[in-house]
Amino acid sequence: MQSFNHLITTRPHEVRQVLISDLHLSLDEPALVQAFLALLDDCLALPALKRLFILGDWFEVWLGDDVYLSLLKEKSSDESRQTHWLTPLIIKLKKLRIEGCEILVMHGNRDFLLGQPFCNLFGGELIEEPYNLTVGQQNYRLEHGDALCTDDKKYQFFRKIMRNRLIQWYLLNKPLEKRLAIADKMRKNSQRNNANKAAYIMDVNDDAVAIVMTNNDALLHGHTHRPDIHLIANGKKRYVLGDWRLLDKDKRQPKVSAVIGVVTGDEHSNDRLNSNNLSSDDAEFGLFVFEYLIK
C-alpha cells in the first residue's frame, strides 16, 4: 500500500473516486474530525473527483437525525448550530457536492440510525448494502462488513433486530435522554462481550465471503479494523479499509492514520457515468495510507 499525507500528492488528475470507512467521528475525538476535514479539502482540490463513498461507521454513535436537525427549526438555536462540531463537516460536504462530486453514505454497525434527511443537508445519498460498483472491467461489491462476521452469532442476532424498521422507529421516538442511556448501555455491553471473544469471531467468515463473491470480482469492506488485501480463489481479491486512528498521542505533533480506497484512471480518458458505474477501461483500484499531522 502506498503512503501519502494528502490525496493531492498522488496523481491528482487521475483520482476519480475515494472510499473511506470507520471514521468513528465524535465530539470527543476532535483530531479525527480535523483529519476528515483535511481529507475533504483534498477532495475539493481534486479536479476529476466524481464520488466519495463513506462505507459505514462514519460516526462513533448516531442517535437520530433529529439531534442535529432540531437545531435548524428553532431560531433561538442559531448560535448552537454555528458552533456545533457537525456544522463544518456539512459545509464542506455541501461544497464538494456543488463541485460535482457525489457523496454516497452507507450504514455501519454504529450509525444505523443515520437517515436521508441528514444527508439531504449536504446533497448526499444514503445507499443500501451491498452496493455494486464497476471499476474497469471488474465488478466490486461494497459493504460495511459486519454482515460477513457470521461466526459472531450473538452480534448477528442483535444486528437483525436493530436493522428492523419497526425497532428503529421505536428507538427514534424515544426522548433523546432515553436514547443516550440505551446507546451507553449497548456500548458497554459490546465492549464487555468483545473482550471475551476469540479474534477470529470478530473477523469475516471465509464461507460468507465465498458466497458473496460468487458473482463479483472483488469485495471491499471495512468494520474489522484489519486493513489488508486478501487473495481469494480464481484471482479475486478482498480489500479491507482501515479505521481512522490517532497515533503518537503523547508526542508534540500526533497524527491520524487511515487506510482508504482510491479509484484512478487515465486523465485523458472519457469516464462513463450511469446508475452504479463510473469508470473507464483503464480504471484501477488501490489501497492507500492517508496520514494527517494534527496542528
C-alpha atoms as a PDB file:
ATOM      1  CA  MET A   1       0.000   0.000   0.000  1.00  0.00           C
ATOM      2  CA  GLN A   2       1.259   3.455  -0.897  1.00  0.00           C
ATOM      3  CA  SER A   3       1.511   6.049   1.863  1.00  0.00           C
ATOM      4  CA  PHE A   4       0.867   9.776   1.493  1.00  0.00           C
ATOM      5  CA  ASN A   5      -0.085  12.808   3.538  1.00  0.00           C
ATOM      6  CA  HIS A   6      -2.558  14.287   1.084  1.00  0.00           C
ATOM      7  CA  LEU A   7      -4.586  12.905  -1.800  1.00  0.00           C
ATOM      8  CA  ILE A   8      -3.441  15.767  -3.991  1.00  0.00           C
ATOM      9  CA  THR A   9       0.106  14.382  -3.896  1.00  0.00           C
ATOM     10  CA  THR A  10      -0.840  11.149  -5.637  1.00  0.00           C
ATOM     11  CA  ARG A  11      -1.761  11.642  -9.302  1.00  0.00           C
ATOM     12  CA  PRO A  12      -4.423  14.293  -8.531  1.00  0.00           C
ATOM     13  CA  HIS A  13      -5.731  14.496 -12.096  1.00  0.00           C
ATOM     14  CA  GLU A  14      -6.343  10.731 -12.141  1.00  0.00           C
ATOM     15  CA  VAL A  15      -8.286  10.293  -8.880  1.00  0.00           C
ATOM     16  CA  ARG A  16     -11.916   9.548  -9.755  1.00  0.00           C
ATOM     17  CA  GLN A  17     -13.349   8.067  -6.563  1.00  0.00           C
ATOM     18  CA  VAL A  18     -12.395   7.946  -2.877  1.00  0.00           C
ATOM     19  CA  LEU A  19     -13.695   5.299  -0.467  1.00  0.00           C
ATOM     20  CA  ILE A  20     -13.425   5.555   3.320  1.00  0.00           C
ATOM     21  CA  SER A  21     -14.856   3.713   6.303  1.00  0.00           C
ATOM     22  CA  ASP A  22     -14.810   3.526  10.104  1.00  0.00           C
ATOM     23  CA  LEU A  23     -14.025   7.146  10.908  1.00  0.00           C
ATOM     24  CA  HIS A  24     -15.901   6.923  14.227  1.00  0.00           C
ATOM     25  CA  LEU A  25     -16.233  10.708  14.418  1.00  0.00           C
ATOM     26  CA  SER A  26     -17.489  12.290  17.622  1.00  0.00           C
ATOM     27  CA  LEU A  27     -17.232  15.428  19.704  1.00  0.00           C
ATOM     28  CA  ASP A  28     -14.825  13.547  21.976  1.00  0.00           C
ATOM     29  CA  GLU A  29     -12.322  12.907  19.154  1.00  0.00           C
ATOM     30  CA  PRO A  30     -11.535  16.326  17.637  1.00  0.00           C
ATOM     31  CA  ALA A  31      -8.371  15.004  15.964  1.00  0.00           C
ATOM     32  CA  LEU A  32     -10.399  12.600  13.828  1.00  0.00           C
ATOM     33  CA  VAL A  33     -12.807  15.379  12.884  1.00  0.00           C
ATOM     34  CA  GLN A  34      -9.871  17.604  11.938  1.00  0.00           C
ATOM     35  CA  ALA A  35      -8.379  14.848   9.783  1.00  0.00           C
ATOM     36  CA  PHE A  36     -11.682  14.272   7.986  1.00  0.00           C
ATOM     37  CA  LEU A  37     -11.953  17.986   7.228  1.00  0.00           C
ATOM     38  CA  ALA A  38      -8.416  17.833   5.826  1.00  0.00           C
ATOM     39  CA  LEU A  39      -9.417  14.932   3.589  1.00  0.00           C
ATOM     40  CA  LEU A  40     -12.392  16.955   2.338  1.00  0.00           C
ATOM     41  CA  ASP A  41     -10.017  19.814   1.495  1.00  0.00           C
ATOM     42  CA  ASP A  42      -8.001  17.354  -0.572  1.00  0.00           C
ATOM     43  CA  CYS A  43     -11.165  16.115  -2.278  1.00  0.00           C
ATOM     44  CA  LEU A  44     -12.119  19.693  -3.153  1.00  0.00           C
ATOM     45  CA  ALA A  45      -8.700  20.124  -4.796  1.00  0.00           C
ATOM     46  CA  LEU A  46      -9.045  17.012  -6.988  1.00  0.00           C
ATOM     47  CA  PRO A  47     -10.206  18.214 -10.433  1.00  0.00           C
ATOM     48  CA  ALA A  48     -11.583  14.870 -11.644  1.00  0.00           C
ATOM     49  CA  LEU A  49     -13.161  13.504  -8.437  1.00  0.00           C
ATOM     50  CA  LYS A  50     -16.664  12.177  -9.090  1.00  0.00           C
ATOM     51  CA  ARG A  51     -17.559  10.200  -5.973  1.00  0.00           C
ATOM     52  CA  LEU A  52     -16.855   9.988  -2.269  1.00  0.00           C
ATOM     53  CA  PHE A  53     -18.041   6.795  -0.562  1.00  0.00           C
ATOM     54  CA  ILE A  54     -18.410   6.590   3.235  1.00  0.00           C
ATOM     55  CA  LEU A  55     -18.909   2.890   3.918  1.00  0.00           C
ATOM     56  CA  GLY A  56     -20.305   2.863   7.430  1.00  0.00           C
ATOM     57  CA  ASP A  57     -19.336   3.844  10.981  1.00  0.00           C
ATOM     58  CA  TRP A  58     -18.900   7.423   9.866  1.00  0.00           C
ATOM     59  CA  PHE A  59     -19.837   8.334  13.426  1.00  0.00           C
ATOM     60  CA  GLU A  60     -18.986   6.662  16.715  1.00  0.00           C
ATOM     61  CA  VAL A  61     -22.674   6.749  17.569  1.00  0.00           C
ATOM     62  CA  TRP A  62     -25.718   8.223  15.841  1.00  0.00           C
ATOM     63  CA  LEU A  63     -28.862   8.663  17.898  1.00  0.00           C
ATOM     64  CA  GLY A  64     -31.064  10.051  15.129  1.00  0.00           C
ATOM     65  CA  ASP A  65     -31.044  12.878  12.581  1.00  0.00           C
ATOM     66  CA  ASP A  66     -33.283  14.963  14.834  1.00  0.00           C
ATOM     67  CA  VAL A  67     -30.393  15.558  17.256  1.00  0.00           C
ATOM     68  CA  TYR A  68     -28.931  17.986  14.700  1.00  0.00           C
ATOM     69  CA  LEU A  69     -31.985  18.793  12.571  1.00  0.00           C
ATOM     70  CA  SER A  70     -33.794  20.177  15.619  1.00  0.00           C
ATOM     71  CA  LEU A  71     -31.214  22.999  15.643  1.00  0.00           C
ATOM     72  CA  LEU A  72     -32.423  24.083  12.201  1.00  0.00           C
ATOM     73  CA  LYS A  73     -36.029  24.515  13.310  1.00  0.00           C
ATOM     74  CA  GLU A  74     -35.510  26.817  16.255  1.00  0.00           C
ATOM     75  CA  LYS A  75     -34.374  30.392  15.666  1.00  0.00           C
ATOM     76  CA  SER A  76     -33.007  30.502  19.191  1.00  0.00           C
ATOM     77  CA  SER A  77     -30.570  27.706  18.301  1.00  0.00           C
ATOM     78  CA  ASP A  78     -28.680  29.621  15.581  1.00  0.00           C
ATOM     79  CA  GLU A  79     -25.613  30.003  17.769  1.00  0.00           C
ATOM     80  CA  SER A  80     -25.742  26.352  18.828  1.00  0.00           C
ATOM     81  CA  ARG A  81     -25.880  25.287  15.198  1.00  0.00           C
ATOM     82  CA  GLN A  82     -22.970  27.506  14.185  1.00  0.00           C
ATOM     83  CA  THR A  83     -20.752  26.155  16.949  1.00  0.00           C
ATOM     84  CA  HIS A  84     -21.839  22.524  16.595  1.00  0.00           C
ATOM     85  CA  TRP A  85     -18.986  20.196  15.625  1.00  0.00           C
ATOM     86  CA  LEU A  86     -21.014  18.749  12.723  1.00  0.00           C
ATOM     87  CA  THR A  87     -21.582  22.103  11.010  1.00  0.00           C
ATOM     88  CA  PRO A  88     -18.090  22.469   9.438  1.00  0.00           C
ATOM     89  CA  LEU A  89     -18.418  18.943   8.033  1.00  0.00           C
ATOM     90  CA  ILE A  90     -21.772  19.722   6.452  1.00  0.00           C
ATOM     91  CA  ILE A  91     -20.485  22.976   4.952  1.00  0.00           C
ATOM     92  CA  LYS A  92     -17.509  21.297   3.276  1.00  0.00           C
ATOM     93  CA  LEU A  93     -19.511  18.286   2.129  1.00  0.00           C
ATOM     94  CA  LYS A  94     -22.096  20.588   0.577  1.00  0.00           C
ATOM     95  CA  LYS A  95     -19.353  22.499  -1.218  1.00  0.00           C
ATOM     96  CA  LEU A  96     -17.928  19.220  -2.506  1.00  0.00           C
ATOM     97  CA  ARG A  97     -21.359  18.208  -3.823  1.00  0.00           C
ATOM     98  CA  ILE A  98     -21.797  21.583  -5.546  1.00  0.00           C
ATOM     99  CA  GLU A  99     -18.439  20.997  -7.243  1.00  0.00           C
ATOM    100  CA  GLY A 100     -19.947  17.886  -8.840  1.00  0.00           C
ATOM    101  CA  CYS A 101     -18.828  15.071  -6.533  1.00  0.00           C
ATOM    102  CA  GLU A 102     -21.480  12.572  -5.436  1.00  0.00           C
ATOM    103  CA  ILE A 103     -21.407  11.693  -1.728  1.00  0.00           C
ATOM    104  CA  LEU A 104     -22.683   8.187  -1.031  1.00  0.00           C
ATOM    105  CA  VAL A 105     -23.152   7.087   2.580  1.00  0.00           C
ATOM    106  CA  MET A 106     -23.694   3.551   3.872  1.00  0.00           C
ATOM    107  CA  HIS A 107     -24.832   2.449   7.321  1.00  0.00           C
ATOM    108  CA  GLY A 108     -22.387   0.851   9.737  1.00  0.00           C
ATOM    109  CA  ASN A 109     -22.974  -1.011  12.968  1.00  0.00           C
ATOM    110  CA  ARG A 110     -22.633   2.214  14.988  1.00  0.00           C
ATOM    111  CA  ASP A 111     -24.636   4.644  12.862  1.00  0.00           C
ATOM    112  CA  PHE A 112     -27.508   2.501  11.599  1.00  0.00           C
ATOM    113  CA  LEU A 113     -29.991   5.222  12.639  1.00  0.00           C
ATOM    114  CA  LEU A 114     -28.480   7.682  10.170  1.00  0.00           C
ATOM    115  CA  GLY A 115     -31.184   8.878   7.784  1.00  0.00           C
ATOM    116  CA  GLN A 116     -31.605  10.531   4.410  1.00  0.00           C
ATOM    117  CA  PRO A 117     -32.836  13.811   5.988  1.00  0.00           C
ATOM    118  CA  PHE A 118     -29.364  14.425   7.457  1.00  0.00           C
ATOM    119  CA  CYS A 119     -27.705  13.524   4.157  1.00  0.00           C
ATOM    120  CA  ASN A 120     -30.003  15.998   2.401  1.00  0.00           C
ATOM    121  CA  LEU A 121     -28.246  18.805   4.269  1.00  0.00           C
ATOM    122  CA  PHE A 122     -25.210  18.384   2.011  1.00  0.00           C
ATOM    123  CA  GLY A 123     -26.789  16.705  -1.012  1.00  0.00           C
ATOM    124  CA  GLY A 124     -25.635  13.218  -0.073  1.00  0.00           C
ATOM    125  CA  GLU A 125     -27.340   9.914  -0.781  1.00  0.00           C
ATOM    126  CA  LEU A 126     -27.866   7.093   1.703  1.00  0.00           C
ATOM    127  CA  ILE A 127     -27.150   3.804  -0.091  1.00  0.00           C
ATOM    128  CA  GLU A 128     -28.075   0.245   0.828  1.00  0.00           C
ATOM    129  CA  GLU A 129     -25.585  -2.589   1.119  1.00  0.00           C
ATOM    130  CA  PRO A 130     -24.392  -4.387  -0.847  1.00  0.00           C
ATOM    131  CA  TYR A 131     -23.586  -1.758  -3.453  1.00  0.00           C
ATOM    132  CA  ASN A 132     -22.211  -2.832  -6.820  1.00  0.00           C
ATOM    133  CA  LEU A 133     -19.513  -0.712  -8.430  1.00  0.00           C
ATOM    134  CA  THR A 134     -17.768  -1.284 -11.748  1.00  0.00           C
ATOM    135  CA  VAL A 135     -14.053  -0.483 -11.846  1.00  0.00           C
ATOM    136  CA  GLY A 136     -12.622  -1.028 -15.303  1.00  0.00           C
ATOM    137  CA  GLN A 137     -13.903  -4.439 -16.343  1.00  0.00           C
ATOM    138  CA  GLN A 138     -14.375  -5.710 -12.797  1.00  0.00           C
ATOM    139  CA  ASN A 139     -17.429  -5.796 -10.563  1.00  0.00           C
ATOM    140  CA  TYR A 140     -16.764  -4.657  -6.983  1.00  0.00           C
ATOM    141  CA  ARG A 141     -19.125  -5.430  -4.120  1.00  0.00           C
ATOM    142  CA  LEU A 142     -19.125  -2.724  -1.439  1.00  0.00           C
ATOM    143  CA  GLU A 143     -20.462  -3.237   2.080  1.00  0.00           C
ATOM    144  CA  HIS A 144     -19.668  -2.250   5.636  1.00  0.00           C
ATOM    145  CA  GLY A 145     -18.514  -5.743   6.562  1.00  0.00           C
ATOM    146  CA  ASP A 146     -20.324  -6.612   9.784  1.00  0.00           C
ATOM    147  CA  ALA A 147     -22.804  -8.884   7.978  1.00  0.00           C
ATOM    148  CA  LEU A 148     -19.858 -11.100   6.959  1.00  0.00           C
ATOM    149  CA  CYS A 149     -18.818 -11.779  10.573  1.00  0.00           C
ATOM    150  CA  THR A 150     -21.180 -14.726  10.788  1.00  0.00           C
ATOM    151  CA  ASP A 151     -19.181 -16.572  13.470  1.00  0.00           C
ATOM    152  CA  ASP A 152     -20.393 -13.963  15.947  1.00  0.00           C
ATOM    153  CA  LYS A 153     -23.884 -15.378  16.410  1.00  0.00           C
ATOM    154  CA  LYS A 154     -24.873 -13.007  19.209  1.00  0.00           C
ATOM    155  CA  TYR A 155     -23.951  -9.958  17.181  1.00  0.00           C
ATOM    156  CA  GLN A 156     -25.768 -11.198  14.078  1.00  0.00           C
ATOM    157  CA  PHE A 157     -28.930 -11.659  16.163  1.00  0.00           C
ATOM    158  CA  PHE A 158     -28.504  -8.148  17.569  1.00  0.00           C
ATOM    159  CA  ARG A 159     -27.882  -6.764  14.060  1.00  0.00           C
ATOM    160  CA  LYS A 160     -31.053  -8.365  12.726  1.00  0.00           C
ATOM    161  CA  ILE A 161     -33.095  -6.762  15.493  1.00  0.00           C
ATOM    162  CA  MET A 162     -31.509  -3.308  15.155  1.00  0.00           C
ATOM    163  CA  ARG A 163     -31.971  -3.227  11.373  1.00  0.00           C
ATOM    164  CA  ASN A 164     -35.695  -3.878  11.741  1.00  0.00           C
ATOM    165  CA  ARG A 165     -37.595  -0.740  10.703  1.00  0.00           C
ATOM    166  CA  LEU A 166     -40.154  -1.133  13.480  1.00  0.00           C
ATOM    167  CA  ILE A 167     -37.418  -1.314  16.118  1.00  0.00           C
ATOM    168  CA  GLN A 168     -35.705   1.721  14.616  1.00  0.00           C
ATOM    169  CA  TRP A 169     -38.999   3.648  14.626  1.00  0.00           C
ATOM    170  CA  TYR A 170     -39.443   2.713  18.282  1.00  0.00           C
ATOM    171  CA  LEU A 171     -35.929   3.940  19.176  1.00  0.00           C
ATOM    172  CA  LEU A 172     -36.226   7.182  17.234  1.00  0.00           C
ATOM    173  CA  ASN A 173     -39.449   8.042  19.016  1.00  0.00           C
ATOM    174  CA  LYS A 174     -37.798   7.753  22.416  1.00  0.00           C
ATOM    175  CA  PRO A 175     -36.708  11.007  24.121  1.00  0.00           C
ATOM    176  CA  LEU A 176     -33.067  11.858  23.489  1.00  0.00           C
ATOM    177  CA  GLU A 177     -32.102  11.176  27.106  1.00  0.00           C
ATOM    178  CA  LYS A 178     -33.527   7.656  26.809  1.00  0.00           C
ATOM    179  CA  ARG A 179     -31.642   7.095  23.549  1.00  0.00           C
ATOM    180  CA  LEU A 180     -28.423   8.248  25.185  1.00  0.00           C
ATOM    181  CA  ALA A 181     -28.935   5.775  28.014  1.00  0.00           C
ATOM    182  CA  ILE A 182     -29.716   2.941  25.600  1.00  0.00           C
ATOM    183  CA  ALA A 183     -26.658   3.733  23.463  1.00  0.00           C
ATOM    184  CA  ASP A 184     -24.401   3.860  26.521  1.00  0.00           C
ATOM    185  CA  LYS A 185     -25.694   0.507  27.761  1.00  0.00           C
ATOM    186  CA  MET A 186     -25.263  -1.067  24.312  1.00  0.00           C
ATOM    187  CA  ARG A 187     -21.693   0.263  24.027  1.00  0.00           C
ATOM    188  CA  LYS A 188     -20.699  -1.096  27.449  1.00  0.00           C
ATOM    189  CA  ASN A 189     -22.258  -4.486  26.683  1.00  0.00           C
ATOM    190  CA  SER A 190     -20.424  -4.604  23.363  1.00  0.00           C
ATOM    191  CA  GLN A 191     -17.067  -3.784  24.981  1.00  0.00           C
ATOM    192  CA  ARG A 192     -17.609  -6.413  27.654  1.00  0.00           C
ATOM    193  CA  ASN A 193     -18.663  -9.091  25.153  1.00  0.00           C
ATOM    194  CA  ASN A 194     -15.861  -8.344  22.688  1.00  0.00           C
ATOM    195  CA  ALA A 195     -13.239  -8.625  25.427  1.00  0.00           C
ATOM    196  CA  ASN A 196     -14.149 -12.289  25.850  1.00  0.00           C
ATOM    197  CA  LYS A 197     -14.399 -13.212  22.166  1.00  0.00           C
ATOM    198  CA  ALA A 198     -11.736 -15.012  20.184  1.00  0.00           C
ATOM    199  CA  ALA A 199     -10.148 -12.822  17.494  1.00  0.00           C
ATOM    200  CA  TYR A 200     -11.476 -14.923  14.599  1.00  0.00           C
ATOM    201  CA  ILE A 201     -15.071 -14.452  15.748  1.00  0.00           C
ATOM    202  CA  MET A 202     -14.863 -10.710  15.135  1.00  0.00           C
ATOM    203  CA  ASP A 203     -13.392 -11.170  11.652  1.00  0.00           C
ATOM    204  CA  VAL A 204     -15.237 -12.114   8.467  1.00  0.00           C
ATOM    205  CA  ASN A 205     -16.115 -15.738   7.838  1.00  0.00           C
ATOM    206  CA  ASP A 206     -14.441 -17.338   4.804  1.00  0.00           C
ATOM    207  CA  ASP A 207     -17.601 -19.180   3.760  1.00  0.00           C
ATOM    208  CA  ALA A 208     -19.663 -15.978   3.984  1.00  0.00           C
ATOM    209  CA  VAL A 209     -17.092 -14.222   1.790  1.00  0.00           C
ATOM    210  CA  ALA A 210     -17.104 -17.075  -0.744  1.00  0.00           C
ATOM    211  CA  ILE A 211     -20.886 -16.837  -1.088  1.00  0.00           C
ATOM    212  CA  VAL A 212     -20.972 -13.098  -1.788  1.00  0.00           C
ATOM    213  CA  MET A 213     -18.022 -13.391  -4.185  1.00  0.00           C
ATOM    214  CA  THR A 214     -19.852 -15.789  -6.495  1.00  0.00           C
ATOM    215  CA  ASN A 215     -20.843 -13.088  -8.983  1.00  0.00           C
ATOM    216  CA  ASN A 216     -18.211 -10.488  -8.079  1.00  0.00           C
ATOM    217  CA  ASP A 217     -14.577  -9.944  -8.946  1.00  0.00           C
ATOM    218  CA  ALA A 218     -13.652  -8.078  -5.788  1.00  0.00           C
ATOM    219  CA  LEU A 219     -15.039  -7.293  -2.338  1.00  0.00           C
ATOM    220  CA  LEU A 220     -14.407  -4.056  -0.454  1.00  0.00           C
ATOM    221  CA  HIS A 221     -15.417  -3.531   3.168  1.00  0.00           C
ATOM    222  CA  GLY A 222     -14.393  -2.047   6.499  1.00  0.00           C
ATOM    223  CA  HIS A 223     -15.667  -2.828  10.016  1.00  0.00           C
ATOM    224  CA  THR A 224     -12.956  -5.269  11.158  1.00  0.00           C
ATOM    225  CA  HIS A 225     -10.227  -2.598  11.561  1.00  0.00           C
ATOM    226  CA  ARG A 226      -7.810  -5.036   9.897  1.00  0.00           C
ATOM    227  CA  PRO A 227      -6.761  -3.331   6.659  1.00  0.00           C
ATOM    228  CA  ASP A 228      -5.249  -5.680   4.114  1.00  0.00           C
ATOM    229  CA  ILE A 229      -5.546  -7.170   0.646  1.00  0.00           C
ATOM    230  CA  HIS A 230      -6.600 -10.820   0.664  1.00  0.00           C
ATOM    231  CA  LEU A 231      -6.251 -13.060  -2.389  1.00  0.00           C
ATOM    232  CA  ILE A 232      -9.230 -15.331  -2.993  1.00  0.00           C
ATOM    233  CA  ALA A 233      -9.704 -18.216  -5.397  1.00  0.00           C
ATOM    234  CA  ASN A 234      -9.721 -17.518  -9.152  1.00  0.00           C
ATOM    235  CA  GLY A 235      -7.686 -14.349  -8.800  1.00  0.00           C
ATOM    236  CA  LYS A 236     -10.361 -12.472  -6.889  1.00  0.00           C
ATOM    237  CA  LYS A 237      -9.467 -10.047  -4.095  1.00  0.00           C
ATOM    238  CA  ARG A 238     -10.911  -8.848  -0.792  1.00  0.00           C
ATOM    239  CA  TYR A 239      -9.893  -5.325   0.152  1.00  0.00           C
ATOM    240  CA  VAL A 240     -10.298  -4.205   3.771  1.00  0.00           C
ATOM    241  CA  LEU A 241     -10.342  -0.493   4.584  1.00  0.00           C
ATOM    242  CA  GLY A 242      -8.803   0.629   7.872  1.00  0.00           C
ATOM    243  CA  ASP A 243     -10.312   2.556  10.740  1.00  0.00           C
ATOM    244  CA  TRP A 244      -9.210   6.141  11.426  1.00  0.00           C
ATOM    245  CA  ARG A 245      -6.993   6.241  14.489  1.00  0.00           C
ATOM    246  CA  LEU A 246      -4.923   8.777  16.395  1.00  0.00           C
ATOM    247  CA  LEU A 247      -1.240   7.803  16.648  1.00  0.00           C
ATOM    248  CA  ASP A 248       1.591   9.160  18.793  1.00  0.00           C
ATOM    249  CA  LYS A 249      -0.822  10.819  21.212  1.00  0.00           C
ATOM    250  CA  ASP A 250       1.951  11.777  23.624  1.00  0.00           C
ATOM    251  CA  LYS A 251       4.182  13.406  21.013  1.00  0.00           C
ATOM    252  CA  ARG A 252       4.245  17.106  20.244  1.00  0.00           C
ATOM    253  CA  GLN A 253       2.544  16.579  16.889  1.00  0.00           C
ATOM    254  CA  PRO A 254       0.370  13.440  16.835  1.00  0.00           C
ATOM    255  CA  LYS A 255      -1.136  12.172  13.601  1.00  0.00           C
ATOM    256  CA  VAL A 256      -4.249  10.445  12.328  1.00  0.00           C
ATOM    257  CA  SER A 257      -3.768   7.462  10.063  1.00  0.00           C
ATOM    258  CA  ALA A 258      -6.302   5.594   7.936  1.00  0.00           C
ATOM    259  CA  VAL A 259      -6.293   3.107   5.080  1.00  0.00           C
ATOM    260  CA  ILE A 260      -8.591   4.343   2.326  1.00  0.00           C
ATOM    261  CA  GLY A 261      -9.518   3.223  -1.175  1.00  0.00           C
ATOM    262  CA  VAL A 262      -8.887   5.216  -4.360  1.00  0.00           C
ATOM    263  CA  VAL A 263     -10.078   4.603  -7.919  1.00  0.00           C
ATOM    264  CA  THR A 264      -7.823   6.175 -10.520  1.00  0.00           C
ATOM    265  CA  GLY A 265      -7.989   6.429 -14.283  1.00  0.00           C
ATOM    266  CA  ASP A 266      -6.158   7.959 -17.217  1.00  0.00           C
ATOM    267  CA  GLU A 267      -6.631  11.728 -17.045  1.00  0.00           C
ATOM    268  CA  HIS A 268      -7.336  11.748 -20.797  1.00  0.00           C
ATOM    269  CA  SER A 269      -9.997   9.025 -20.661  1.00  0.00           C
ATOM    270  CA  ASN A 270     -13.700   9.714 -21.009  1.00  0.00           C
ATOM    271  CA  ASP A 271     -15.499   8.497 -17.893  1.00  0.00           C
ATOM    272  CA  ARG A 272     -18.923   6.999 -18.292  1.00  0.00           C
ATOM    273  CA  LEU A 273     -21.459   7.734 -15.564  1.00  0.00           C
ATOM    274  CA  ASN A 274     -24.647   5.720 -15.221  1.00  0.00           C
ATOM    275  CA  SER A 275     -26.542   4.147 -12.326  1.00  0.00           C
ATOM    276  CA  ASN A 276     -23.722   2.410 -10.447  1.00  0.00           C
ATOM    277  CA  ASN A 277     -20.753   2.697 -12.786  1.00  0.00           C
ATOM    278  CA  LEU A 278     -18.090   5.338 -13.050  1.00  0.00           C
ATOM    279  CA  SER A 279     -15.031   4.023 -14.793  1.00  0.00           C
ATOM    280  CA  SER A 280     -13.112   3.698 -17.998  1.00  0.00           C
ATOM    281  CA  ASP A 281     -11.409   0.537 -19.207  1.00  0.00           C
ATOM    282  CA  ASP A 282      -8.101   1.614 -17.670  1.00  0.00           C
ATOM    283  CA  ALA A 283      -9.530   2.397 -14.218  1.00  0.00           C
ATOM    284  CA  GLU A 284      -7.677   0.893 -11.264  1.00  0.00           C
ATOM    285  CA  PHE A 285      -8.389   0.463  -7.563  1.00  0.00           C
ATOM    286  CA  GLY A 286      -5.830   0.591  -4.772  1.00  0.00           C
ATOM    287  CA  LEU A 287      -5.495   0.979  -1.010  1.00  0.00           C
ATOM    288  CA  PHE A 288      -3.566   3.939   0.339  1.00  0.00           C
ATOM    289  CA  VAL A 289      -2.418   5.021   3.781  1.00  0.00           C
ATOM    290  CA  PHE A 290      -3.692   8.545   4.468  1.00  0.00           C
ATOM    291  CA  GLU A 291      -1.865  10.343   7.264  1.00  0.00           C
ATOM    292  CA  TYR A 292      -2.607  13.741   8.717  1.00  0.00           C
ATOM    293  CA  LEU A 293      -0.436  15.593  11.254  1.00  0.00           C
ATOM    294  CA  ILE A 294      -2.577  17.296  13.889  1.00  0.00           C
ATOM    295  CA  LYS A 295      -1.951  21.023  14.019  1.00  0.00           C
END
